[in-house]
N, C-alpha and C. Protein backbone atom coordinates (compact mmCIF):
# COMPACT_ATOMS: atom_id res chain seq x y z
N UNK A 1 -14.35 -65.18 9.89
CA UNK A 1 -15.71 -64.68 9.98
C UNK A 1 -15.69 -63.26 10.54
N UNK A 2 -16.43 -62.38 9.90
CA UNK A 2 -16.51 -61.00 10.34
C UNK A 2 -17.46 -60.87 11.52
N UNK A 3 -17.07 -60.04 12.46
CA UNK A 3 -17.93 -59.80 13.61
C UNK A 3 -18.61 -58.45 13.43
N UNK A 4 -19.90 -58.44 13.69
CA UNK A 4 -20.68 -57.21 13.57
C UNK A 4 -21.13 -56.76 14.94
N UNK A 5 -21.28 -55.45 15.08
CA UNK A 5 -21.88 -54.92 16.30
C UNK A 5 -23.34 -55.37 16.35
N UNK A 6 -23.88 -55.59 17.54
CA UNK A 6 -25.31 -55.89 17.60
C UNK A 6 -26.13 -54.66 17.22
N UNK A 7 -27.28 -54.89 16.60
CA UNK A 7 -28.15 -53.76 16.29
C UNK A 7 -28.84 -53.32 17.57
N UNK A 8 -29.21 -52.05 17.67
CA UNK A 8 -29.99 -51.63 18.83
C UNK A 8 -31.36 -52.32 18.82
N UNK A 9 -31.81 -52.76 19.96
CA UNK A 9 -33.11 -53.43 20.06
C UNK A 9 -34.20 -52.47 20.52
N UNK A 10 -33.90 -51.20 20.54
CA UNK A 10 -34.89 -50.17 20.83
C UNK A 10 -34.62 -49.02 19.84
N UNK A 11 -35.58 -48.79 18.95
CA UNK A 11 -35.45 -47.74 17.94
C UNK A 11 -36.66 -46.82 18.04
N UNK A 12 -36.45 -45.54 17.83
CA UNK A 12 -37.56 -44.60 17.86
C UNK A 12 -37.53 -43.74 16.62
N UNK A 13 -38.71 -43.47 16.09
CA UNK A 13 -38.87 -42.57 14.97
C UNK A 13 -39.84 -41.48 15.41
N UNK A 14 -40.19 -40.62 14.50
CA UNK A 14 -41.11 -39.53 14.84
C UNK A 14 -42.44 -40.06 15.40
N UNK A 15 -42.95 -41.15 14.80
CA UNK A 15 -44.28 -41.64 15.20
C UNK A 15 -44.28 -43.02 15.83
N UNK A 16 -43.13 -43.71 15.81
CA UNK A 16 -43.11 -45.12 16.18
C UNK A 16 -42.03 -45.45 17.21
N UNK A 17 -42.28 -46.53 17.94
CA UNK A 17 -41.27 -47.12 18.83
C UNK A 17 -41.14 -48.58 18.43
N UNK A 18 -39.92 -49.01 18.17
CA UNK A 18 -39.62 -50.41 17.93
C UNK A 18 -38.82 -50.86 19.14
N UNK A 19 -39.26 -51.96 19.76
CA UNK A 19 -38.69 -52.36 21.04
C UNK A 19 -38.64 -53.88 21.12
N UNK A 20 -37.97 -54.42 22.14
CA UNK A 20 -37.95 -55.88 22.29
C UNK A 20 -39.34 -56.45 22.56
N UNK A 21 -39.51 -57.70 22.22
CA UNK A 21 -40.76 -58.41 22.45
C UNK A 21 -41.02 -58.57 23.94
N UNK A 22 -42.29 -58.60 24.30
CA UNK A 22 -42.73 -58.90 25.67
C UNK A 22 -43.80 -59.98 25.56
N UNK A 23 -43.94 -60.78 26.60
CA UNK A 23 -44.97 -61.82 26.60
C UNK A 23 -46.35 -61.23 26.35
N UNK A 24 -46.55 -60.00 26.79
CA UNK A 24 -47.85 -59.33 26.63
C UNK A 24 -48.18 -59.02 25.17
N UNK A 25 -47.21 -59.18 24.26
CA UNK A 25 -47.45 -58.96 22.83
C UNK A 25 -48.10 -60.17 22.16
N UNK A 26 -48.19 -61.29 22.85
CA UNK A 26 -48.59 -62.55 22.22
C UNK A 26 -49.98 -62.50 21.58
N UNK A 27 -50.96 -61.97 22.27
CA UNK A 27 -52.32 -61.97 21.72
C UNK A 27 -52.42 -61.08 20.48
N UNK A 28 -51.81 -59.91 20.53
CA UNK A 28 -51.83 -59.01 19.37
C UNK A 28 -51.05 -59.61 18.20
N UNK A 29 -49.92 -60.22 18.47
CA UNK A 29 -49.11 -60.85 17.42
C UNK A 29 -49.91 -61.97 16.78
N UNK A 30 -50.61 -62.74 17.58
CA UNK A 30 -51.47 -63.82 17.07
C UNK A 30 -52.55 -63.24 16.15
N UNK A 31 -53.15 -62.13 16.56
CA UNK A 31 -54.18 -61.49 15.74
C UNK A 31 -53.60 -60.98 14.42
N UNK A 32 -52.39 -60.44 14.45
CA UNK A 32 -51.73 -59.99 13.22
C UNK A 32 -51.52 -61.17 12.27
N UNK A 33 -51.00 -62.27 12.78
CA UNK A 33 -50.75 -63.44 11.94
C UNK A 33 -52.06 -64.01 11.39
N UNK A 34 -53.14 -63.87 12.12
CA UNK A 34 -54.45 -64.35 11.64
C UNK A 34 -54.90 -63.61 10.39
N UNK A 35 -54.43 -62.37 10.20
CA UNK A 35 -54.80 -61.61 9.00
C UNK A 35 -54.27 -62.23 7.72
N UNK A 36 -53.35 -63.16 7.83
CA UNK A 36 -52.82 -63.86 6.65
C UNK A 36 -53.85 -64.82 6.05
N UNK A 37 -54.90 -65.12 6.83
CA UNK A 37 -55.96 -65.96 6.33
C UNK A 37 -55.78 -67.45 6.56
N UNK A 38 -54.86 -67.82 7.42
CA UNK A 38 -54.61 -69.24 7.71
C UNK A 38 -55.05 -69.62 9.12
N UNK A 39 -55.99 -68.90 9.69
CA UNK A 39 -56.43 -69.17 11.05
C UNK A 39 -55.63 -68.38 12.07
N UNK A 40 -56.08 -68.43 13.30
CA UNK A 40 -55.42 -67.71 14.39
C UNK A 40 -54.51 -68.67 15.15
N UNK A 41 -53.21 -68.39 15.17
CA UNK A 41 -52.31 -69.27 15.93
C UNK A 41 -52.61 -69.18 17.42
N UNK A 42 -52.49 -70.31 18.14
CA UNK A 42 -52.71 -70.28 19.59
C UNK A 42 -51.74 -69.32 20.28
N UNK A 43 -52.25 -68.54 21.21
CA UNK A 43 -51.44 -67.55 21.91
C UNK A 43 -50.25 -68.21 22.60
N UNK A 44 -50.45 -69.41 23.16
CA UNK A 44 -49.33 -70.09 23.83
C UNK A 44 -48.19 -70.37 22.86
N UNK A 45 -48.53 -70.77 21.62
CA UNK A 45 -47.48 -71.01 20.61
C UNK A 45 -46.75 -69.70 20.29
N UNK A 46 -47.49 -68.60 20.25
CA UNK A 46 -46.88 -67.30 19.97
C UNK A 46 -45.98 -66.88 21.13
N UNK A 47 -46.39 -67.16 22.36
CA UNK A 47 -45.51 -66.86 23.51
C UNK A 47 -44.18 -67.61 23.36
N UNK A 48 -44.25 -68.87 22.95
CA UNK A 48 -43.02 -69.65 22.72
C UNK A 48 -42.19 -69.02 21.61
N UNK A 49 -42.84 -68.54 20.55
CA UNK A 49 -42.11 -67.88 19.47
C UNK A 49 -41.40 -66.63 19.97
N UNK A 50 -42.08 -65.87 20.83
CA UNK A 50 -41.48 -64.66 21.39
C UNK A 50 -40.23 -65.01 22.20
N UNK A 51 -40.30 -66.06 22.99
CA UNK A 51 -39.14 -66.52 23.76
C UNK A 51 -37.99 -66.89 22.81
N UNK A 52 -38.32 -67.56 21.71
CA UNK A 52 -37.30 -67.92 20.71
C UNK A 52 -36.71 -66.68 20.05
N UNK A 53 -37.56 -65.69 19.70
CA UNK A 53 -37.06 -64.45 19.10
C UNK A 53 -36.03 -63.79 20.01
N UNK A 54 -36.36 -63.70 21.31
CA UNK A 54 -35.47 -63.04 22.26
C UNK A 54 -34.14 -63.79 22.39
N UNK A 55 -34.21 -65.11 22.42
CA UNK A 55 -33.01 -65.93 22.51
C UNK A 55 -32.14 -65.79 21.26
N UNK A 56 -32.79 -65.85 20.10
CA UNK A 56 -32.05 -65.69 18.84
C UNK A 56 -31.39 -64.32 18.74
N UNK A 57 -32.08 -63.29 19.20
CA UNK A 57 -31.51 -61.94 19.16
C UNK A 57 -30.26 -61.85 20.01
N UNK A 58 -30.29 -62.49 21.19
CA UNK A 58 -29.10 -62.50 22.05
C UNK A 58 -27.93 -63.18 21.35
N UNK A 59 -28.23 -64.23 20.58
CA UNK A 59 -27.19 -65.00 19.90
C UNK A 59 -26.68 -64.30 18.64
N UNK A 60 -27.61 -63.75 17.83
CA UNK A 60 -27.24 -63.22 16.51
C UNK A 60 -26.91 -61.73 16.51
N UNK A 61 -27.47 -60.99 17.46
CA UNK A 61 -27.27 -59.54 17.46
C UNK A 61 -28.19 -58.80 16.51
N UNK A 62 -29.14 -59.51 15.89
CA UNK A 62 -30.16 -58.86 15.07
C UNK A 62 -31.52 -59.24 15.63
N UNK A 63 -32.55 -58.45 15.28
CA UNK A 63 -33.85 -58.71 15.89
C UNK A 63 -35.00 -58.28 15.00
N UNK A 64 -36.09 -59.00 15.16
CA UNK A 64 -37.39 -58.61 14.65
C UNK A 64 -38.07 -57.93 15.84
N UNK A 65 -38.51 -56.69 15.66
CA UNK A 65 -39.01 -55.89 16.78
C UNK A 65 -40.47 -55.51 16.61
N UNK A 66 -41.25 -55.59 17.69
CA UNK A 66 -42.63 -55.09 17.63
C UNK A 66 -42.63 -53.58 17.37
N UNK A 67 -43.65 -53.13 16.66
CA UNK A 67 -43.83 -51.70 16.39
C UNK A 67 -45.05 -51.23 17.16
N UNK A 68 -44.88 -50.14 17.87
CA UNK A 68 -46.05 -49.51 18.48
C UNK A 68 -46.05 -48.04 18.11
N UNK A 69 -47.25 -47.50 17.96
CA UNK A 69 -47.35 -46.07 17.67
C UNK A 69 -47.11 -45.31 18.97
N UNK A 70 -46.34 -44.24 18.87
CA UNK A 70 -46.01 -43.43 20.05
C UNK A 70 -47.25 -42.86 20.72
N UNK A 71 -48.08 -42.19 19.93
CA UNK A 71 -49.22 -41.47 20.50
C UNK A 71 -50.27 -42.44 21.06
N UNK A 72 -50.62 -43.46 20.27
CA UNK A 72 -51.67 -44.39 20.69
C UNK A 72 -51.15 -45.48 21.61
N UNK A 73 -49.87 -45.81 21.50
CA UNK A 73 -49.27 -46.85 22.33
C UNK A 73 -49.65 -48.26 21.93
N UNK A 74 -50.30 -48.42 20.77
CA UNK A 74 -50.79 -49.74 20.36
C UNK A 74 -49.79 -50.49 19.48
N UNK A 75 -49.83 -51.81 19.58
CA UNK A 75 -49.04 -52.71 18.75
C UNK A 75 -49.64 -52.71 17.35
N UNK A 76 -48.81 -52.39 16.33
CA UNK A 76 -49.35 -52.36 14.97
C UNK A 76 -48.63 -53.33 14.03
N UNK A 77 -47.61 -54.02 14.51
CA UNK A 77 -46.91 -54.96 13.64
C UNK A 77 -45.48 -55.18 14.12
N UNK A 78 -44.63 -55.59 13.19
CA UNK A 78 -43.23 -55.82 13.51
C UNK A 78 -42.36 -55.42 12.34
N UNK A 79 -41.09 -55.17 12.63
CA UNK A 79 -40.10 -54.87 11.61
C UNK A 79 -38.73 -55.19 12.19
N UNK A 80 -37.85 -55.70 11.37
CA UNK A 80 -36.51 -55.97 11.86
C UNK A 80 -35.69 -56.77 10.88
N UNK A 81 -34.63 -57.34 11.38
CA UNK A 81 -33.71 -58.14 10.59
C UNK A 81 -33.83 -59.60 11.00
N UNK A 82 -33.82 -60.47 9.99
CA UNK A 82 -33.86 -61.91 10.21
C UNK A 82 -32.86 -62.57 9.27
N UNK A 83 -32.50 -63.82 9.59
CA UNK A 83 -31.67 -64.58 8.65
C UNK A 83 -32.55 -65.02 7.48
N UNK A 84 -33.75 -65.51 7.75
CA UNK A 84 -34.69 -65.84 6.68
C UNK A 84 -34.09 -66.72 5.61
N UNK A 85 -34.17 -66.26 4.36
CA UNK A 85 -33.61 -66.99 3.22
C UNK A 85 -32.16 -66.59 2.97
N UNK A 86 -31.61 -65.72 3.80
CA UNK A 86 -30.27 -65.17 3.55
C UNK A 86 -29.30 -65.59 4.66
N UNK A 87 -28.37 -64.72 5.02
CA UNK A 87 -27.34 -65.07 5.99
C UNK A 87 -27.27 -64.02 7.10
N UNK A 88 -26.59 -64.36 8.16
CA UNK A 88 -26.40 -63.41 9.25
C UNK A 88 -25.54 -62.23 8.78
N UNK A 89 -24.61 -62.48 7.87
CA UNK A 89 -23.76 -61.41 7.34
C UNK A 89 -24.55 -60.45 6.45
N UNK A 90 -25.51 -60.99 5.70
CA UNK A 90 -26.37 -60.19 4.83
C UNK A 90 -27.82 -60.59 5.11
N UNK A 91 -28.36 -60.10 6.24
CA UNK A 91 -29.71 -60.53 6.65
C UNK A 91 -30.81 -59.91 5.79
N UNK A 92 -32.02 -60.38 6.04
CA UNK A 92 -33.21 -59.85 5.38
C UNK A 92 -33.90 -58.86 6.29
N UNK A 93 -34.47 -57.83 5.70
CA UNK A 93 -35.38 -56.97 6.44
C UNK A 93 -36.78 -57.56 6.26
N UNK A 94 -37.52 -57.59 7.34
CA UNK A 94 -38.87 -58.15 7.31
C UNK A 94 -39.81 -57.21 8.06
N UNK A 95 -41.03 -57.12 7.58
CA UNK A 95 -42.03 -56.30 8.27
C UNK A 95 -43.42 -56.79 7.91
N UNK A 96 -44.34 -56.56 8.83
CA UNK A 96 -45.75 -56.90 8.62
C UNK A 96 -46.55 -56.03 9.57
N UNK A 97 -47.57 -55.39 9.06
CA UNK A 97 -48.41 -54.50 9.87
C UNK A 97 -49.87 -54.88 9.72
N UNK A 98 -50.65 -54.59 10.75
CA UNK A 98 -52.09 -54.79 10.66
C UNK A 98 -52.64 -54.04 9.45
N UNK A 99 -53.60 -54.65 8.77
CA UNK A 99 -54.21 -54.02 7.61
C UNK A 99 -54.85 -52.68 7.96
N UNK A 100 -55.34 -52.54 9.16
CA UNK A 100 -56.02 -51.30 9.57
C UNK A 100 -55.08 -50.09 9.58
N UNK A 101 -53.76 -50.31 9.58
CA UNK A 101 -52.82 -49.18 9.58
C UNK A 101 -52.08 -49.04 8.26
N UNK A 102 -52.41 -49.87 7.27
CA UNK A 102 -51.77 -49.76 5.96
C UNK A 102 -52.06 -48.38 5.36
N UNK A 103 -51.12 -47.91 4.56
CA UNK A 103 -51.33 -46.67 3.83
C UNK A 103 -50.98 -45.41 4.62
N UNK A 104 -50.37 -45.56 5.78
CA UNK A 104 -50.00 -44.40 6.60
C UNK A 104 -48.49 -44.14 6.64
N UNK A 105 -47.71 -44.93 5.89
CA UNK A 105 -46.26 -44.75 5.87
C UNK A 105 -45.53 -45.38 7.04
N UNK A 106 -46.24 -46.14 7.87
CA UNK A 106 -45.59 -46.74 9.04
C UNK A 106 -44.54 -47.78 8.65
N UNK A 107 -44.82 -48.60 7.64
CA UNK A 107 -43.84 -49.62 7.22
C UNK A 107 -42.56 -48.96 6.74
N UNK A 108 -42.69 -47.91 5.95
CA UNK A 108 -41.51 -47.21 5.44
C UNK A 108 -40.73 -46.57 6.60
N UNK A 109 -41.44 -45.95 7.51
CA UNK A 109 -40.80 -45.29 8.65
C UNK A 109 -40.06 -46.29 9.53
N UNK A 110 -40.71 -47.40 9.84
CA UNK A 110 -40.07 -48.43 10.68
C UNK A 110 -38.89 -49.07 9.94
N UNK A 111 -39.09 -49.40 8.68
CA UNK A 111 -38.02 -50.06 7.91
C UNK A 111 -36.82 -49.14 7.72
N UNK A 112 -37.06 -47.85 7.57
CA UNK A 112 -35.93 -46.90 7.44
C UNK A 112 -35.09 -46.92 8.72
N UNK A 113 -35.73 -46.97 9.87
CA UNK A 113 -35.01 -47.03 11.14
C UNK A 113 -34.20 -48.33 11.24
N UNK A 114 -34.77 -49.44 10.75
CA UNK A 114 -34.07 -50.72 10.78
C UNK A 114 -32.90 -50.73 9.81
N UNK A 115 -33.05 -50.14 8.63
CA UNK A 115 -31.94 -50.04 7.68
C UNK A 115 -30.79 -49.25 8.31
N UNK A 116 -31.11 -48.14 8.95
CA UNK A 116 -30.07 -47.34 9.63
C UNK A 116 -29.40 -48.15 10.73
N UNK A 117 -30.18 -48.90 11.49
CA UNK A 117 -29.62 -49.74 12.56
C UNK A 117 -28.72 -50.83 11.98
N UNK A 118 -29.11 -51.40 10.84
CA UNK A 118 -28.29 -52.42 10.18
C UNK A 118 -26.96 -51.83 9.72
N UNK A 119 -27.01 -50.63 9.17
CA UNK A 119 -25.78 -49.97 8.73
C UNK A 119 -24.83 -49.74 9.90
N UNK A 120 -25.39 -49.40 11.06
CA UNK A 120 -24.58 -49.13 12.25
C UNK A 120 -23.89 -50.39 12.77
N UNK A 121 -24.34 -51.58 12.36
CA UNK A 121 -23.70 -52.82 12.79
C UNK A 121 -22.43 -53.10 12.01
N UNK A 122 -22.23 -52.38 10.90
CA UNK A 122 -21.07 -52.62 10.05
C UNK A 122 -21.37 -53.50 8.84
N UNK A 123 -22.60 -53.92 8.71
CA UNK A 123 -22.96 -54.75 7.55
C UNK A 123 -22.90 -53.92 6.28
N UNK A 124 -22.69 -54.60 5.15
CA UNK A 124 -22.54 -53.91 3.87
C UNK A 124 -23.74 -54.07 2.95
N UNK A 125 -24.62 -55.06 3.24
CA UNK A 125 -25.76 -55.27 2.35
C UNK A 125 -26.90 -55.96 3.09
N UNK A 126 -28.13 -55.57 2.71
CA UNK A 126 -29.34 -56.21 3.20
C UNK A 126 -30.10 -56.80 2.02
N UNK A 127 -30.92 -57.79 2.33
CA UNK A 127 -31.81 -58.41 1.35
C UNK A 127 -33.24 -58.24 1.80
N UNK A 128 -34.15 -58.42 0.88
CA UNK A 128 -35.56 -58.57 1.21
C UNK A 128 -36.15 -59.53 0.19
N UNK A 129 -37.04 -60.39 0.64
CA UNK A 129 -37.76 -61.27 -0.26
C UNK A 129 -39.25 -61.01 -0.06
N UNK A 130 -39.94 -60.77 -1.17
CA UNK A 130 -41.34 -60.39 -1.12
C UNK A 130 -42.08 -61.08 -2.27
N UNK A 131 -43.27 -61.56 -1.98
CA UNK A 131 -44.09 -62.12 -3.04
C UNK A 131 -44.29 -61.06 -4.13
N UNK A 132 -44.18 -61.48 -5.38
CA UNK A 132 -44.25 -60.50 -6.48
C UNK A 132 -45.61 -59.80 -6.57
N UNK A 133 -46.66 -60.39 -6.01
CA UNK A 133 -47.99 -59.76 -6.03
C UNK A 133 -48.11 -58.65 -4.99
N UNK A 134 -47.17 -58.57 -4.03
CA UNK A 134 -47.28 -57.64 -2.90
C UNK A 134 -46.73 -56.26 -3.28
N UNK A 135 -47.47 -55.56 -4.13
CA UNK A 135 -47.05 -54.25 -4.63
C UNK A 135 -46.78 -53.24 -3.52
N UNK A 136 -47.62 -53.14 -2.49
CA UNK A 136 -47.33 -52.16 -1.43
C UNK A 136 -45.98 -52.40 -0.74
N UNK A 137 -45.64 -53.66 -0.48
CA UNK A 137 -44.35 -53.97 0.14
C UNK A 137 -43.20 -53.64 -0.80
N UNK A 138 -43.38 -53.94 -2.06
CA UNK A 138 -42.34 -53.62 -3.05
C UNK A 138 -42.14 -52.11 -3.14
N UNK A 139 -43.21 -51.33 -3.00
CA UNK A 139 -43.08 -49.86 -3.00
C UNK A 139 -42.30 -49.37 -1.79
N UNK A 140 -42.56 -49.96 -0.63
CA UNK A 140 -41.81 -49.59 0.58
C UNK A 140 -40.32 -49.79 0.33
N UNK A 141 -39.97 -50.96 -0.18
CA UNK A 141 -38.56 -51.27 -0.42
C UNK A 141 -37.93 -50.34 -1.45
N UNK A 142 -38.69 -49.99 -2.47
CA UNK A 142 -38.20 -49.05 -3.48
C UNK A 142 -37.88 -47.70 -2.84
N UNK A 143 -38.77 -47.22 -1.96
CA UNK A 143 -38.55 -45.94 -1.27
C UNK A 143 -37.28 -45.98 -0.43
N UNK A 144 -36.91 -47.17 0.05
CA UNK A 144 -35.74 -47.33 0.91
C UNK A 144 -34.46 -47.59 0.12
N UNK A 145 -34.55 -47.61 -1.21
CA UNK A 145 -33.36 -47.79 -2.03
C UNK A 145 -33.01 -49.23 -2.36
N UNK A 146 -33.93 -50.16 -2.11
CA UNK A 146 -33.69 -51.55 -2.50
C UNK A 146 -33.84 -51.67 -4.00
N UNK A 147 -33.03 -52.55 -4.59
CA UNK A 147 -33.07 -52.77 -6.03
C UNK A 147 -33.33 -54.23 -6.33
N UNK A 148 -34.05 -54.46 -7.42
CA UNK A 148 -34.39 -55.83 -7.84
C UNK A 148 -33.11 -56.61 -8.16
N UNK A 149 -33.01 -57.82 -7.65
CA UNK A 149 -31.88 -58.69 -7.94
C UNK A 149 -32.31 -59.85 -8.84
N UNK A 150 -33.32 -60.61 -8.38
CA UNK A 150 -33.85 -61.71 -9.20
C UNK A 150 -35.19 -62.17 -8.66
N UNK A 151 -35.82 -63.09 -9.38
CA UNK A 151 -37.09 -63.68 -8.96
C UNK A 151 -36.91 -65.18 -8.89
N UNK A 152 -37.46 -65.78 -7.84
CA UNK A 152 -37.45 -67.24 -7.73
C UNK A 152 -38.90 -67.72 -7.64
N UNK A 153 -39.09 -68.99 -7.97
CA UNK A 153 -40.42 -69.58 -7.86
C UNK A 153 -40.40 -70.55 -6.70
N UNK A 154 -41.33 -70.35 -5.77
CA UNK A 154 -41.45 -71.22 -4.60
C UNK A 154 -42.84 -71.84 -4.60
N UNK A 155 -43.11 -72.71 -3.67
CA UNK A 155 -44.40 -73.42 -3.68
C UNK A 155 -45.59 -72.48 -3.57
N UNK A 156 -45.42 -71.31 -2.96
CA UNK A 156 -46.52 -70.34 -2.84
C UNK A 156 -46.52 -69.29 -3.94
N UNK A 157 -45.64 -69.41 -4.93
CA UNK A 157 -45.61 -68.46 -6.04
C UNK A 157 -44.25 -67.81 -6.22
N UNK A 158 -44.25 -66.74 -7.01
CA UNK A 158 -43.00 -66.03 -7.31
C UNK A 158 -42.59 -65.12 -6.16
N UNK A 159 -41.27 -65.08 -5.93
CA UNK A 159 -40.70 -64.25 -4.88
C UNK A 159 -39.65 -63.33 -5.51
N UNK A 160 -39.81 -62.04 -5.27
CA UNK A 160 -38.82 -61.05 -5.73
C UNK A 160 -37.74 -60.94 -4.66
N UNK A 161 -36.50 -60.98 -5.09
CA UNK A 161 -35.34 -60.79 -4.22
C UNK A 161 -34.79 -59.41 -4.51
N UNK A 162 -34.69 -58.59 -3.47
CA UNK A 162 -34.17 -57.24 -3.60
C UNK A 162 -32.98 -57.07 -2.66
N UNK A 163 -32.11 -56.15 -3.01
CA UNK A 163 -30.94 -55.93 -2.19
C UNK A 163 -30.67 -54.43 -2.06
N UNK A 164 -30.01 -54.09 -0.98
CA UNK A 164 -29.62 -52.69 -0.76
C UNK A 164 -28.24 -52.67 -0.13
N UNK A 165 -27.34 -51.89 -0.75
CA UNK A 165 -26.03 -51.68 -0.16
C UNK A 165 -26.14 -50.70 0.99
N UNK A 166 -25.32 -50.92 2.01
CA UNK A 166 -25.30 -50.03 3.16
C UNK A 166 -24.02 -49.22 3.14
N UNK A 167 -24.08 -47.99 3.66
CA UNK A 167 -22.87 -47.15 3.65
C UNK A 167 -21.75 -47.72 4.50
């Protein structure tokens, strides 16, 4: 089994800071998940999820990180690496931002920082899985050099699988 360096859990871009989760992120994270239209998850359950994220990051060396805007200091979503439908050797990049900040390039900016962090771990490839209807997310991945691999059908619809080689 190949050993990879852990990814940095604090990343900064021109406009964004990606950092480790804090318990104080629970209410905002709950509000973000509520935008999916399936109700608002209880904040206590989200606090437990945050504890699990931190523990998993210690074990795996990869992380899903909250995104905050530098100037405003507000939580706007998350971006990072997860095992998801893939493997620790070839993890998935995942991101989700509040609808109120869509269209400002934040997802691309955050994801670019995560792709660079993934490359620094020594990994050779990343995956992403996105619902085929999610054109904005597919555009973000295209800007980052991800290429279509295949489509699968799951209970919630079609999922596009994309991949990107790392230097």
